[in-house]
Amino acid sequence: MKQLSMAVVTAVALSLGLAACGGSQYILSTKEGRMLVSDGKPQLDEKSGMYKLKDADGKATMIPKDDIVQIMER
């Protein structure tokens, strides 16, 4: 289990390092302990209660507001 946890931490660290492109990036941490990198500031849709963001690969993603613990600008 420790090896799996270390692999996840390493993968997150590599993702954060590789995501360093031009423009503002934000890191969202979830209640589950996941770290999501957003290209540009995540937008909150008040009607649905979901954050809309584009990940480092440009893929559009939505995540519930209640799942987010912290948003940090990078």
C-alpha atoms as a PDB file:
ATOM      1  CA  MET A   1       0.000   0.000   0.000  1.00  0.00           C
ATOM      2  CA  LYS A   2       2.888   2.362   0.787  1.00  0.00           C
ATOM      3  CA  GLN A   3       4.347   1.739  -2.668  1.00  0.00           C
ATOM      4  CA  LEU A   4       1.026   2.621  -4.285  1.00  0.00           C
ATOM      5  CA  SER A   5       0.759   5.806  -2.218  1.00  0.00           C
ATOM      6  CA  MET A   6       4.291   6.825  -3.160  1.00  0.00           C
ATOM      7  CA  ALA A   7       3.516   6.137  -6.820  1.00  0.00           C
ATOM      8  CA  VAL A   8       0.449   8.408  -6.628  1.00  0.00           C
ATOM      9  CA  VAL A   9       2.426  11.189  -4.911  1.00  0.00           C
ATOM     10  CA  THR A  10       5.181  10.874  -7.513  1.00  0.00           C
ATOM     11  CA  ALA A  11       2.671  10.990 -10.362  1.00  0.00           C
ATOM     12  CA  VAL A  12       1.039  14.124  -8.936  1.00  0.00           C
ATOM     13  CA  ALA A  13       4.423  15.802  -8.481  1.00  0.00           C
ATOM     14  CA  LEU A  14       5.414  14.969 -12.058  1.00  0.00           C
ATOM     15  CA  SER A  15       2.076  16.227 -13.363  1.00  0.00           C
ATOM     16  CA  LEU A  16       2.501  19.493 -11.527  1.00  0.00           C
ATOM     17  CA  GLY A  17       6.042  19.860 -12.823  1.00  0.00           C
ATOM     18  CA  LEU A  18       5.120  19.066 -16.416  1.00  0.00           C
ATOM     19  CA  ALA A  19       2.114  21.365 -16.330  1.00  0.00           C
ATOM     20  CA  ALA A  20       4.306  24.456 -15.988  1.00  0.00           C
ATOM     21  CA  CYS A  21       3.303  26.296 -19.153  1.00  0.00           C
ATOM     22  CA  GLY A  22       2.589  29.961 -19.827  1.00  0.00           C
ATOM     23  CA  GLY A  23      -0.409  31.596 -18.178  1.00  0.00           C
ATOM     24  CA  SER A  24      -1.972  31.245 -14.769  1.00  0.00           C
ATOM     25  CA  GLN A  25      -2.432  27.815 -13.305  1.00  0.00           C
ATOM     26  CA  TYR A  26      -4.409  26.817 -10.255  1.00  0.00           C
ATOM     27  CA  ILE A  27      -4.152  23.746  -8.058  1.00  0.00           C
ATOM     28  CA  LEU A  28      -7.381  22.395  -6.587  1.00  0.00           C
ATOM     29  CA  SER A  29      -7.183  19.975  -3.685  1.00  0.00           C
ATOM     30  CA  THR A  30     -10.136  17.694  -3.019  1.00  0.00           C
ATOM     31  CA  LYS A  31     -11.518  16.043   0.103  1.00  0.00           C
ATOM     32  CA  GLU A  32     -10.212  12.727  -1.249  1.00  0.00           C
ATOM     33  CA  GLY A  33      -6.664  14.120  -1.378  1.00  0.00           C
ATOM     34  CA  ARG A  34      -6.460  14.487  -5.165  1.00  0.00           C
ATOM     35  CA  MET A  35      -4.656  17.463  -6.663  1.00  0.00           C
ATOM     36  CA  LEU A  36      -6.030  18.857  -9.918  1.00  0.00           C
ATOM     37  CA  VAL A  37      -4.146  21.366 -12.060  1.00  0.00           C
ATOM     38  CA  SER A  38      -6.233  23.918 -13.940  1.00  0.00           C
ATOM     39  CA  ASP A  39      -5.039  26.038 -16.859  1.00  0.00           C
ATOM     40  CA  GLY A  40      -6.646  29.355 -15.971  1.00  0.00           C
ATOM     41  CA  LYS A  41      -8.906  30.176 -13.058  1.00  0.00           C
ATOM     42  CA  PRO A  42     -11.662  27.616 -12.410  1.00  0.00           C
ATOM     43  CA  GLN A  43     -15.144  29.061 -12.923  1.00  0.00           C
ATOM     44  CA  LEU A  44     -17.925  28.294 -10.455  1.00  0.00           C
ATOM     45  CA  ASP A  45     -21.325  27.637 -12.009  1.00  0.00           C
ATOM     46  CA  GLU A  46     -23.697  28.780  -9.253  1.00  0.00           C
ATOM     47  CA  LYS A  47     -26.701  26.951 -10.743  1.00  0.00           C
ATOM     48  CA  SER A  48     -25.089  23.520 -10.766  1.00  0.00           C
ATOM     49  CA  GLY A  49     -22.657  24.050  -7.870  1.00  0.00           C
ATOM     50  CA  MET A  50     -19.802  22.753 -10.031  1.00  0.00           C
ATOM     51  CA  TYR A  51     -16.383  24.184 -10.850  1.00  0.00           C
ATOM     52  CA  LYS A  52     -15.542  24.195 -14.562  1.00  0.00           C
ATOM     53  CA  LEU A  53     -11.862  23.956 -15.445  1.00  0.00           C
ATOM     54  CA  LYS A  54      -9.456  22.872 -18.145  1.00  0.00           C
ATOM     55  CA  ASP A  55      -6.733  20.500 -17.060  1.00  0.00           C
ATOM     56  CA  ALA A  56      -3.100  20.678 -18.180  1.00  0.00           C
ATOM     57  CA  ASP A  57      -3.978  18.641 -21.293  1.00  0.00           C
ATOM     58  CA  GLY A  58      -6.757  21.074 -22.247  1.00  0.00           C
ATOM     59  CA  LYS A  59      -9.530  18.638 -21.309  1.00  0.00           C
ATOM     60  CA  ALA A  60     -12.672  20.273 -19.888  1.00  0.00           C
ATOM     61  CA  THR A  61     -13.559  18.963 -16.432  1.00  0.00           C
ATOM     62  CA  MET A  62     -16.265  19.668 -13.884  1.00  0.00           C
ATOM     63  CA  ILE A  63     -16.023  18.932 -10.167  1.00  0.00           C
ATOM     64  CA  PRO A  64     -18.580  19.601  -7.421  1.00  0.00           C
ATOM     65  CA  LYS A  65     -17.899  22.657  -5.269  1.00  0.00           C
ATOM     66  CA  ASP A  66     -18.400  20.584  -2.114  1.00  0.00           C
ATOM     67  CA  ASP A  67     -15.524  18.255  -3.104  1.00  0.00           C
ATOM     68  CA  ILE A  68     -12.995  21.132  -3.214  1.00  0.00           C
ATOM     69  CA  VAL A  69     -11.036  21.907  -0.054  1.00  0.00           C
ATOM     70  CA  GLN A  70      -8.661  24.566  -1.402  1.00  0.00           C
ATOM     71  CA  ILE A  71      -7.800  26.423  -4.612  1.00  0.00           C
ATOM     72  CA  MET A  72      -4.280  27.850  -4.904  1.00  0.00           C
ATOM     73  CA  GLU A  73      -2.801  29.964  -7.677  1.00  0.00           C
ATOM     74  CA  ARG A  74       0.480  28.617  -8.914  1.00  0.00           C
END
